[in-house]
């Protein structure tokens, strides 16, 4: 059973994860091609679950496909589309199929995506989902009924946003996720590393659970402006947009900026979570420029 990520957490290694989207259709070839580029460079590959409320293949199915190809997945599971029975059923199925890492998420609102008239569920949210995973790991369901066919052994993580405008809200939410059983944290896109430093010293220092800084590959000034305007809570400094705008090759400049950010994260937290939508093949180049050696 592949479980390198949990082992790397246990050994307190500098953690590297990367995000890959499932296909929008029935052919996983492109997803596999991108994920294959990450072999030997990351500890695990995150598979998104309806990110931005956009329809894609089930994260559970896509994670199994990666697993069959020797790539360890972190299966994201969001509460938007399934009730408590559906979520528990998928967690049991994930475990039976060999998936061990779960990132528990609340999920983006339907209005953000491509099925705006669809109905959200949200019977649970991320903290309650973490509690459900903890119960299943102990051999009980949400109603405290025992599981007659054995307990699970999932390794749950959670999202965190160190750049949140509400410091008290950030602290409370982080502590609630810790208490609910989160074993690792992956952050939203980070551009303010002073803020990350403050978060690590004032909030995350109370635990030994690792925090991975979210590093996003910005492909051009236009791309950076779009994200700044349309992604809630994300602030991209004007100097980064200027660098991208003045660069002769904006994509390579974006790779350079991401590598610089990985280096900064190395001084502050326990790892990085790399997001390079549709250019996951450039993640090894980012890591190489940042001086991160391949994973043995």
C-alpha atoms as a PDB file:
ATOM      1  CA  UNK A   1       0.000   0.000   0.000  1.00  0.00           C
ATOM      2  CA  UNK A   2       1.421   3.402  -0.983  1.00  0.00           C
ATOM      3  CA  UNK A   3       1.671   5.621   2.101  1.00  0.00           C
ATOM      4  CA  UNK A   4       4.786   7.714   1.535  1.00  0.00           C
ATOM      5  CA  UNK A   5       3.111  10.990   2.471  1.00  0.00           C
ATOM      6  CA  UNK A   6       2.172   9.887   5.990  1.00  0.00           C
ATOM      7  CA  UNK A   7       5.674   8.500   6.470  1.00  0.00           C
ATOM      8  CA  UNK A   8       7.220  11.789   5.312  1.00  0.00           C
ATOM      9  CA  UNK A   9       5.024  13.656   7.815  1.00  0.00           C
ATOM     10  CA  UNK A  10       6.105  11.263  10.576  1.00  0.00           C
ATOM     11  CA  UNK A  11       9.771  11.757   9.687  1.00  0.00           C
ATOM     12  CA  UNK A  12       9.279  15.551   9.632  1.00  0.00           C
ATOM     13  CA  UNK A  13      10.580  15.876   6.069  1.00  0.00           C
ATOM     14  CA  UNK A  14      10.042  19.062   4.078  1.00  0.00           C
ATOM     15  CA  UNK A  15       6.786  18.098   2.376  1.00  0.00           C
ATOM     16  CA  UNK A  16       6.017  18.615  -1.302  1.00  0.00           C
ATOM     17  CA  UNK A  17       2.540  18.152  -2.724  1.00  0.00           C
ATOM     18  CA  UNK A  18       1.038  19.310  -6.011  1.00  0.00           C
ATOM     19  CA  UNK A  19      -2.476  19.742  -7.315  1.00  0.00           C
ATOM     20  CA  UNK A  20      -3.906  18.086 -10.420  1.00  0.00           C
ATOM     21  CA  UNK A  21      -7.470  18.456 -11.719  1.00  0.00           C
ATOM     22  CA  UNK A  22      -9.475  15.388 -12.735  1.00  0.00           C
ATOM     23  CA  UNK A  23     -10.591  15.267 -16.380  1.00  0.00           C
ATOM     24  CA  UNK A  24     -13.782  16.893 -17.589  1.00  0.00           C
ATOM     25  CA  UNK A  25     -14.913  13.775 -19.392  1.00  0.00           C
ATOM     26  CA  UNK A  26     -14.107  10.080 -19.358  1.00  0.00           C
ATOM     27  CA  UNK A  27     -10.494  10.083 -20.578  1.00  0.00           C
ATOM     28  CA  UNK A  28      -7.886  10.465 -17.807  1.00  0.00           C
ATOM     29  CA  UNK A  29      -4.901  10.524 -20.212  1.00  0.00           C
ATOM     30  CA  UNK A  30      -4.016  14.200 -19.737  1.00  0.00           C
ATOM     31  CA  UNK A  31      -4.384  14.006 -15.945  1.00  0.00           C
ATOM     32  CA  UNK A  32      -2.093  10.971 -15.891  1.00  0.00           C
ATOM     33  CA  UNK A  33       0.454  12.671 -18.140  1.00  0.00           C
ATOM     34  CA  UNK A  34       0.654  15.656 -15.780  1.00  0.00           C
ATOM     35  CA  UNK A  35       0.796  13.454 -12.677  1.00  0.00           C
ATOM     36  CA  UNK A  36       3.517  11.267 -14.197  1.00  0.00           C
ATOM     37  CA  UNK A  37       5.703  14.400 -14.479  1.00  0.00           C
ATOM     38  CA  UNK A  38       5.554  14.689 -10.700  1.00  0.00           C
ATOM     39  CA  UNK A  39       6.875  11.218  -9.876  1.00  0.00           C
ATOM     40  CA  UNK A  40       9.970  11.483  -7.716  1.00  0.00           C
ATOM     41  CA  UNK A  41       9.386  15.201  -7.127  1.00  0.00           C
ATOM     42  CA  UNK A  42       6.385  15.260  -4.773  1.00  0.00           C
ATOM     43  CA  UNK A  43       5.261  13.136  -1.837  1.00  0.00           C
ATOM     44  CA  UNK A  44       1.654  13.081  -3.024  1.00  0.00           C
ATOM     45  CA  UNK A  45      -0.648  14.524  -5.681  1.00  0.00           C
ATOM     46  CA  UNK A  46      -3.842  16.326  -4.673  1.00  0.00           C
ATOM     47  CA  UNK A  47      -6.918  15.505  -6.732  1.00  0.00           C
ATOM     48  CA  UNK A  48      -9.511  18.268  -6.555  1.00  0.00           C
ATOM     49  CA  UNK A  49     -13.197  17.625  -5.811  1.00  0.00           C
ATOM     50  CA  UNK A  50     -15.349  19.964  -7.888  1.00  0.00           C
ATOM     51  CA  UNK A  51     -13.000  22.886  -7.287  1.00  0.00           C
ATOM     52  CA  UNK A  52     -14.674  26.275  -7.928  1.00  0.00           C
ATOM     53  CA  UNK A  53     -17.917  24.272  -8.296  1.00  0.00           C
ATOM     54  CA  UNK A  54     -16.896  23.228 -11.808  1.00  0.00           C
ATOM     55  CA  UNK A  55     -17.949  19.764 -12.985  1.00  0.00           C
ATOM     56  CA  UNK A  56     -15.137  17.233 -13.308  1.00  0.00           C
ATOM     57  CA  UNK A  57     -14.610  13.511 -12.800  1.00  0.00           C
ATOM     58  CA  UNK A  58     -15.087  12.218  -9.265  1.00  0.00           C
ATOM     59  CA  UNK A  59     -11.998  12.877  -7.132  1.00  0.00           C
ATOM     60  CA  UNK A  60     -12.390   9.376  -5.719  1.00  0.00           C
ATOM     61  CA  UNK A  61     -12.296   7.735  -9.166  1.00  0.00           C
ATOM     62  CA  UNK A  62      -9.416   9.942 -10.322  1.00  0.00           C
ATOM     63  CA  UNK A  63      -7.443   9.135  -7.154  1.00  0.00           C
ATOM     64  CA  UNK A  64      -7.852   5.406  -7.763  1.00  0.00           C
ATOM     65  CA  UNK A  65      -6.558   5.863 -11.319  1.00  0.00           C
ATOM     66  CA  UNK A  66      -3.438   7.598  -9.971  1.00  0.00           C
ATOM     67  CA  UNK A  67      -2.952   4.911  -7.349  1.00  0.00           C
ATOM     68  CA  UNK A  68      -3.077   2.185 -10.013  1.00  0.00           C
ATOM     69  CA  UNK A  69      -0.296   4.039 -11.820  1.00  0.00           C
ATOM     70  CA  UNK A  70       1.969   4.203  -8.783  1.00  0.00           C
ATOM     71  CA  UNK A  71       1.184   7.803  -7.807  1.00  0.00           C
ATOM     72  CA  UNK A  72       0.100   8.490  -4.229  1.00  0.00           C
ATOM     73  CA  UNK A  73      -3.033  10.672  -4.141  1.00  0.00           C
ATOM     74  CA  UNK A  74      -4.459  13.056  -1.597  1.00  0.00           C
ATOM     75  CA  UNK A  75      -8.151  12.754  -2.348  1.00  0.00           C
ATOM     76  CA  UNK A  76      -9.978  16.011  -1.724  1.00  0.00           C
ATOM     77  CA  UNK A  77     -13.493  15.524  -0.403  1.00  0.00           C
ATOM     78  CA  UNK A  78     -15.916  18.463  -0.287  1.00  0.00           C
ATOM     79  CA  UNK A  79     -19.229  18.654   1.564  1.00  0.00           C
ATOM     80  CA  UNK A  80     -21.136  20.631  -1.067  1.00  0.00           C
ATOM     81  CA  UNK A  81     -22.428  17.757  -3.182  1.00  0.00           C
ATOM     82  CA  UNK A  82     -23.084  14.888  -0.724  1.00  0.00           C
ATOM     83  CA  UNK A  83     -25.027  14.354   2.469  1.00  0.00           C
ATOM     84  CA  UNK A  84     -23.642  12.563   5.530  1.00  0.00           C
ATOM     85  CA  UNK A  85     -24.459   9.094   4.171  1.00  0.00           C
ATOM     86  CA  UNK A  86     -22.837   9.835   0.811  1.00  0.00           C
ATOM     87  CA  UNK A  87     -19.674  11.236   2.389  1.00  0.00           C
ATOM     88  CA  UNK A  88     -19.290   8.304   4.772  1.00  0.00           C
ATOM     89  CA  UNK A  89     -19.945   5.835   1.955  1.00  0.00           C
ATOM     90  CA  UNK A  90     -17.274   7.467  -0.219  1.00  0.00           C
ATOM     91  CA  UNK A  91     -14.770   7.490   2.658  1.00  0.00           C
ATOM     92  CA  UNK A  92     -15.330   3.763   3.202  1.00  0.00           C
ATOM     93  CA  UNK A  93     -15.012   3.134  -0.522  1.00  0.00           C
ATOM     94  CA  UNK A  94     -11.851   5.221  -0.747  1.00  0.00           C
ATOM     95  CA  UNK A  95     -10.228   3.234   2.032  1.00  0.00           C
ATOM     96  CA  UNK A  96     -11.251  -0.117   0.520  1.00  0.00           C
ATOM     97  CA  UNK A  97      -9.722   0.971  -2.809  1.00  0.00           C
ATOM     98  CA  UNK A  98      -6.389   1.834  -1.211  1.00  0.00           C
ATOM     99  CA  UNK A  99      -6.675   5.592  -0.726  1.00  0.00           C
ATOM    100  CA  UNK A 100      -5.296   6.781   2.606  1.00  0.00           C
ATOM    101  CA  UNK A 101      -4.916  10.590   2.397  1.00  0.00           C
ATOM    102  CA  UNK A 102      -8.041  12.764   2.533  1.00  0.00           C
ATOM    103  CA  UNK A 103      -8.230  16.572   2.427  1.00  0.00           C
ATOM    104  CA  UNK A 104     -11.498  17.556   4.113  1.00  0.00           C
ATOM    105  CA  UNK A 105     -13.092  20.646   2.558  1.00  0.00           C
ATOM    106  CA  UNK A 106     -16.364  22.514   2.872  1.00  0.00           C
ATOM    107  CA  UNK A 107     -16.508  23.223  -0.879  1.00  0.00           C
ATOM    108  CA  UNK A 108     -17.030  26.282  -3.049  1.00  0.00           C
ATOM    109  CA  UNK A 109     -20.559  27.702  -3.530  1.00  0.00           C
ATOM    110  CA  UNK A 110     -22.531  26.627  -6.596  1.00  0.00           C
ATOM    111  CA  UNK A 111     -22.776  30.215  -7.855  1.00  0.00           C
ATOM    112  CA  UNK A 112     -19.003  30.184  -8.454  1.00  0.00           C
ATOM    113  CA  UNK A 113     -19.131  27.380 -11.003  1.00  0.00           C
ATOM    114  CA  UNK A 114     -20.696  26.054 -14.194  1.00  0.00           C
ATOM    115  CA  UNK A 115     -23.929  24.660 -12.721  1.00  0.00           C
ATOM    116  CA  UNK A 116     -25.271  27.769 -11.040  1.00  0.00           C
ATOM    117  CA  UNK A 117     -28.840  26.379 -10.836  1.00  0.00           C
ATOM    118  CA  UNK A 118     -27.674  23.211  -9.107  1.00  0.00           C
ATOM    119  CA  UNK A 119     -28.532  22.570  -5.463  1.00  0.00           C
ATOM    120  CA  UNK A 120     -25.909  22.530  -2.732  1.00  0.00           C
ATOM    121  CA  UNK A 121     -26.086  20.063   0.162  1.00  0.00           C
ATOM    122  CA  UNK A 122     -23.668  21.299   2.867  1.00  0.00           C
ATOM    123  CA  UNK A 123     -25.147  18.967   5.503  1.00  0.00           C
ATOM    124  CA  UNK A 124     -21.599  18.903   6.877  1.00  0.00           C
ATOM    125  CA  UNK A 125     -18.693  21.321   6.593  1.00  0.00           C
ATOM    126  CA  UNK A 126     -14.967  20.678   6.861  1.00  0.00           C
ATOM    127  CA  UNK A 127     -14.710  20.513  10.678  1.00  0.00           C
ATOM    128  CA  UNK A 128     -17.615  18.090  10.973  1.00  0.00           C
ATOM    129  CA  UNK A 129     -16.214  16.033   8.098  1.00  0.00           C
ATOM    130  CA  UNK A 130     -12.915  15.751   9.991  1.00  0.00           C
ATOM    131  CA  UNK A 131     -14.860  14.540  13.023  1.00  0.00           C
ATOM    132  CA  UNK A 132     -16.635  11.954  10.857  1.00  0.00           C
ATOM    133  CA  UNK A 133     -13.270  10.679   9.577  1.00  0.00           C
ATOM    134  CA  UNK A 134     -12.022  10.412  13.161  1.00  0.00           C
ATOM    135  CA  UNK A 135     -15.105   8.386  14.113  1.00  0.00           C
ATOM    136  CA  UNK A 136     -14.716   6.065  11.119  1.00  0.00           C
ATOM    137  CA  UNK A 137     -11.057   5.562  12.059  1.00  0.00           C
ATOM    138  CA  UNK A 138     -12.223   4.514  15.518  1.00  0.00           C
ATOM    139  CA  UNK A 139     -14.735   2.078  14.052  1.00  0.00           C
ATOM    140  CA  UNK A 140     -17.953   4.081  14.418  1.00  0.00           C
ATOM    141  CA  UNK A 141     -20.242   5.966  12.051  1.00  0.00           C
ATOM    142  CA  UNK A 142     -21.632   9.475  12.514  1.00  0.00           C
ATOM    143  CA  UNK A 143     -24.425   8.086  14.736  1.00  0.00           C
ATOM    144  CA  UNK A 144     -21.886   6.286  16.958  1.00  0.00           C
ATOM    145  CA  UNK A 145     -22.947   2.917  15.601  1.00  0.00           C
ATOM    146  CA  UNK A 146     -20.072   0.398  15.310  1.00  0.00           C
ATOM    147  CA  UNK A 147     -18.750  -0.591  11.906  1.00  0.00           C
ATOM    148  CA  UNK A 148     -19.098  -4.405  11.760  1.00  0.00           C
ATOM    149  CA  UNK A 149     -16.703  -4.715   8.818  1.00  0.00           C
ATOM    150  CA  UNK A 150     -13.675  -3.017  10.402  1.00  0.00           C
ATOM    151  CA  UNK A 151     -12.555   0.527  11.108  1.00  0.00           C
ATOM    152  CA  UNK A 152     -10.802   2.751   8.568  1.00  0.00           C
ATOM    153  CA  UNK A 153      -7.286   4.157   8.816  1.00  0.00           C
ATOM    154  CA  UNK A 154      -7.438   7.417   6.876  1.00  0.00           C
ATOM    155  CA  UNK A 155      -4.919  10.269   7.174  1.00  0.00           C
ATOM    156  CA  UNK A 156      -6.984  13.478   7.166  1.00  0.00           C
ATOM    157  CA  UNK A 157      -5.849  16.992   6.396  1.00  0.00           C
ATOM    158  CA  UNK A 158      -7.499  20.396   6.177  1.00  0.00           C
ATOM    159  CA  UNK A 159      -7.180  23.726   4.395  1.00  0.00           C
ATOM    160  CA  UNK A 160      -6.028  26.936   6.066  1.00  0.00           C
ATOM    161  CA  UNK A 161      -5.812  30.532   4.875  1.00  0.00           C
ATOM    162  CA  UNK A 162      -3.037  32.449   6.722  1.00  0.00           C
ATOM    163  CA  UNK A 163      -3.990  35.583   4.761  1.00  0.00           C
ATOM    164  CA  UNK A 164      -7.514  35.624   6.163  1.00  0.00           C
ATOM    165  CA  UNK A 165      -8.704  39.113   7.075  1.00  0.00           C
ATOM    166  CA  UNK A 166     -10.062  37.883  10.422  1.00  0.00           C
ATOM    167  CA  UNK A 167      -7.133  36.863  12.626  1.00  0.00           C
ATOM    168  CA  UNK A 168      -9.370  35.678  15.468  1.00  0.00           C
ATOM    169  CA  UNK A 169     -11.538  33.731  13.012  1.00  0.00           C
ATOM    170  CA  UNK A 170      -8.449  32.121  11.479  1.00  0.00           C
ATOM    171  CA  UNK A 171      -7.179  31.082  14.916  1.00  0.00           C
ATOM    172  CA  UNK A 172     -10.530  29.645  15.979  1.00  0.00           C
ATOM    173  CA  UNK A 173     -11.013  27.720  12.749  1.00  0.00           C
ATOM    174  CA  UNK A 174      -7.468  26.327  12.833  1.00  0.00           C
ATOM    175  CA  UNK A 175      -7.878  25.170  16.431  1.00  0.00           C
ATOM    176  CA  UNK A 176     -11.232  23.559  15.669  1.00  0.00           C
ATOM    177  CA  UNK A 177      -9.729  21.611  12.773  1.00  0.00           C
ATOM    178  CA  UNK A 178      -6.861  20.490  14.971  1.00  0.00           C
ATOM    179  CA  UNK A 179      -9.265  19.310  17.657  1.00  0.00           C
ATOM    180  CA  UNK A 180     -11.326  17.489  15.012  1.00  0.00           C
ATOM    181  CA  UNK A 181      -8.300  15.424  13.974  1.00  0.00           C
ATOM    182  CA  UNK A 182      -6.497  17.218  11.114  1.00  0.00           C
ATOM    183  CA  UNK A 183      -3.021  15.723  10.705  1.00  0.00           C
ATOM    184  CA  UNK A 184      -1.722  18.234   8.167  1.00  0.00           C
ATOM    185  CA  UNK A 185      -2.721  21.595   6.669  1.00  0.00           C
ATOM    186  CA  UNK A 186      -2.468  22.889   3.125  1.00  0.00           C
ATOM    187  CA  UNK A 187      -2.793  26.634   2.723  1.00  0.00           C
ATOM    188  CA  UNK A 188      -4.526  28.740   0.137  1.00  0.00           C
ATOM    189  CA  UNK A 189      -2.363  30.714  -2.319  1.00  0.00           C
ATOM    190  CA  UNK A 190       0.309  32.615  -0.363  1.00  0.00           C
ATOM    191  CA  UNK A 191       1.840  35.876  -1.544  1.00  0.00           C
ATOM    192  CA  UNK A 192       2.255  37.651   1.820  1.00  0.00           C
ATOM    193  CA  UNK A 193       5.074  35.748   3.497  1.00  0.00           C
ATOM    194  CA  UNK A 194       5.201  38.179   6.431  1.00  0.00           C
ATOM    195  CA  UNK A 195       1.626  37.156   7.152  1.00  0.00           C
ATOM    196  CA  UNK A 196       2.583  33.474   6.844  1.00  0.00           C
ATOM    197  CA  UNK A 197       5.468  34.053   9.262  1.00  0.00           C
ATOM    198  CA  UNK A 198       3.078  35.664  11.753  1.00  0.00           C
ATOM    199  CA  UNK A 199       0.626  32.768  11.385  1.00  0.00           C
ATOM    200  CA  UNK A 200       3.356  30.181  11.951  1.00  0.00           C
ATOM    201  CA  UNK A 201       4.659  31.932  15.080  1.00  0.00           C
ATOM    202  CA  UNK A 202       1.400  33.052  16.657  1.00  0.00           C
ATOM    203  CA  UNK A 203      -1.038  30.273  15.741  1.00  0.00           C
ATOM    204  CA  UNK A 204       0.577  27.178  14.207  1.00  0.00           C
ATOM    205  CA  UNK A 205       3.419  27.050  16.735  1.00  0.00           C
ATOM    206  CA  UNK A 206       1.007  25.485  19.236  1.00  0.00           C
ATOM    207  CA  UNK A 207       1.018  22.200  17.270  1.00  0.00           C
ATOM    208  CA  UNK A 208       3.481  19.873  15.559  1.00  0.00           C
ATOM    209  CA  UNK A 209       1.077  19.223  12.661  1.00  0.00           C
ATOM    210  CA  UNK A 210       2.724  20.345   9.408  1.00  0.00           C
ATOM    211  CA  UNK A 211       1.584  23.380   7.413  1.00  0.00           C
ATOM    212  CA  UNK A 212       2.226  23.456   3.664  1.00  0.00           C
ATOM    213  CA  UNK A 213       2.281  26.875   1.985  1.00  0.00           C
ATOM    214  CA  UNK A 214       0.212  27.157  -1.193  1.00  0.00           C
ATOM    215  CA  UNK A 215       2.429  28.276  -4.096  1.00  0.00           C
ATOM    216  CA  UNK A 216       0.683  29.198  -7.358  1.00  0.00           C
ATOM    217  CA  UNK A 217       2.324  29.407 -10.782  1.00  0.00           C
ATOM    218  CA  UNK A 218       1.290  32.749 -12.281  1.00  0.00           C
ATOM    219  CA  UNK A 219       1.607  32.486 -16.052  1.00  0.00           C
ATOM    220  CA  UNK A 220       1.319  36.150 -17.052  1.00  0.00           C
ATOM    221  CA  UNK A 221       0.316  39.576 -15.762  1.00  0.00           C
ATOM    222  CA  UNK A 222      -3.164  38.995 -17.229  1.00  0.00           C
ATOM    223  CA  UNK A 223      -3.430  35.699 -15.340  1.00  0.00           C
ATOM    224  CA  UNK A 224      -2.327  37.372 -12.088  1.00  0.00           C
ATOM    225  CA  UNK A 225      -4.836  40.226 -12.486  1.00  0.00           C
ATOM    226  CA  UNK A 226      -7.655  37.762 -13.213  1.00  0.00           C
ATOM    227  CA  UNK A 227      -6.878  35.753 -10.060  1.00  0.00           C
ATOM    228  CA  UNK A 228      -6.547  38.893  -7.957  1.00  0.00           C
ATOM    229  CA  UNK A 229      -9.974  40.116  -9.129  1.00  0.00           C
ATOM    230  CA  UNK A 230     -11.877  36.834  -9.115  1.00  0.00           C
ATOM    231  CA  UNK A 231     -10.506  34.631  -6.329  1.00  0.00           C
ATOM    232  CA  UNK A 232     -11.811  35.720  -2.898  1.00  0.00           C
ATOM    233  CA  UNK A 233      -9.151  36.415  -0.282  1.00  0.00           C
ATOM    234  CA  UNK A 234      -6.244  36.424  -2.744  1.00  0.00           C
ATOM    235  CA  UNK A 235      -3.995  39.477  -2.939  1.00  0.00           C
ATOM    236  CA  UNK A 236      -1.244  39.521  -5.543  1.00  0.00           C
ATOM    237  CA  UNK A 237       1.212  42.396  -4.995  1.00  0.00           C
ATOM    238  CA  UNK A 238       1.543  44.986  -7.751  1.00  0.00           C
ATOM    239  CA  UNK A 239       5.298  44.334  -7.982  1.00  0.00           C
ATOM    240  CA  UNK A 240       4.671  40.714  -8.995  1.00  0.00           C
ATOM    241  CA  UNK A 241       2.173  41.798 -11.658  1.00  0.00           C
ATOM    242  CA  UNK A 242       4.718  44.372 -12.888  1.00  0.00           C
ATOM    243  CA  UNK A 243       7.477  41.732 -13.079  1.00  0.00           C
ATOM    244  CA  UNK A 244       5.256  39.461 -15.143  1.00  0.00           C
ATOM    245  CA  UNK A 245       4.155  42.324 -17.382  1.00  0.00           C
ATOM    246  CA  UNK A 246       7.719  43.466 -18.120  1.00  0.00           C
ATOM    247  CA  UNK A 247       9.182  39.989 -18.634  1.00  0.00           C
ATOM    248  CA  UNK A 248      10.198  38.908 -22.150  1.00  0.00           C
ATOM    249  CA  UNK A 249       8.892  35.426 -21.263  1.00  0.00           C
ATOM    250  CA  UNK A 250       6.137  35.810 -18.620  1.00  0.00           C
ATOM    251  CA  UNK A 251       5.738  32.057 -18.081  1.00  0.00           C
ATOM    252  CA  UNK A 252       9.419  31.562 -17.263  1.00  0.00           C
ATOM    253  CA  UNK A 253       9.254  34.624 -15.006  1.00  0.00           C
ATOM    254  CA  UNK A 254       6.296  32.975 -13.252  1.00  0.00           C
ATOM    255  CA  UNK A 255       8.383  29.843 -12.727  1.00  0.00           C
ATOM    256  CA  UNK A 256      11.155  32.009 -11.242  1.00  0.00           C
ATOM    257  CA  UNK A 257       8.721  33.781  -8.905  1.00  0.00           C
ATOM    258  CA  UNK A 258       7.259  30.455  -7.740  1.00  0.00           C
ATOM    259  CA  UNK A 259      10.763  29.092  -7.065  1.00  0.00           C
ATOM    260  CA  UNK A 260      11.587  32.193  -5.001  1.00  0.00           C
ATOM    261  CA  UNK A 261       8.399  31.640  -3.007  1.00  0.00           C
ATOM    262  CA  UNK A 262       9.266  27.982  -2.380  1.00  0.00           C
ATOM    263  CA  UNK A 263      12.606  29.143  -0.941  1.00  0.00           C
ATOM    264  CA  UNK A 264      10.817  31.612   1.336  1.00  0.00           C
ATOM    265  CA  UNK A 265       8.401  28.921   2.492  1.00  0.00           C
ATOM    266  CA  UNK A 266      11.344  26.653   3.381  1.00  0.00           C
ATOM    267  CA  UNK A 267      12.369  29.165   6.029  1.00  0.00           C
ATOM    268  CA  UNK A 268       8.893  29.452   7.544  1.00  0.00           C
ATOM    269  CA  UNK A 269       6.862  26.249   7.406  1.00  0.00           C
ATOM    270  CA  UNK A 270       6.946  22.494   6.864  1.00  0.00           C
ATOM    271  CA  UNK A 271       6.359  22.188   3.126  1.00  0.00           C
ATOM    272  CA  UNK A 272       4.730  23.554  -0.001  1.00  0.00           C
ATOM    273  CA  UNK A 273       1.603  22.738  -1.965  1.00  0.00           C
ATOM    274  CA  UNK A 274       2.164  23.637  -5.627  1.00  0.00           C
ATOM    275  CA  UNK A 275      -0.649  24.705  -7.942  1.00  0.00           C
ATOM    276  CA  UNK A 276       0.159  25.088 -11.651  1.00  0.00           C
ATOM    277  CA  UNK A 277      -3.166  24.704 -13.409  1.00  0.00           C
ATOM    278  CA  UNK A 278      -2.703  23.083 -16.849  1.00  0.00           C
ATOM    279  CA  UNK A 279       1.110  23.404 -16.540  1.00  0.00           C
ATOM    280  CA  UNK A 280       1.831  20.842 -13.850  1.00  0.00           C
ATOM    281  CA  UNK A 281       4.729  19.722 -16.068  1.00  0.00           C
ATOM    282  CA  UNK A 282       6.595  22.868 -14.944  1.00  0.00           C
ATOM    283  CA  UNK A 283       6.510  21.934 -11.257  1.00  0.00           C
ATOM    284  CA  UNK A 284       9.786  19.934 -11.435  1.00  0.00           C
ATOM    285  CA  UNK A 285      11.428  23.025 -12.974  1.00  0.00           C
ATOM    286  CA  UNK A 286      10.115  25.198 -10.113  1.00  0.00           C
ATOM    287  CA  UNK A 287      11.492  22.766  -7.535  1.00  0.00           C
ATOM    288  CA  UNK A 288      14.831  22.527  -9.344  1.00  0.00           C
ATOM    289  CA  UNK A 289      15.214  26.315  -9.379  1.00  0.00           C
ATOM    290  CA  UNK A 290      14.319  26.376  -5.676  1.00  0.00           C
ATOM    291  CA  UNK A 291      17.091  23.863  -4.939  1.00  0.00           C
ATOM    292  CA  UNK A 292      14.704  21.106  -3.850  1.00  0.00           C
ATOM    293  CA  UNK A 293      16.251  17.721  -4.529  1.00  0.00           C
ATOM    294  CA  UNK A 294      14.226  14.834  -5.983  1.00  0.00           C
ATOM    295  CA  UNK A 295      12.471  12.626  -3.445  1.00  0.00           C
ATOM    296  CA  UNK A 296      14.192   9.284  -2.917  1.00  0.00           C
END
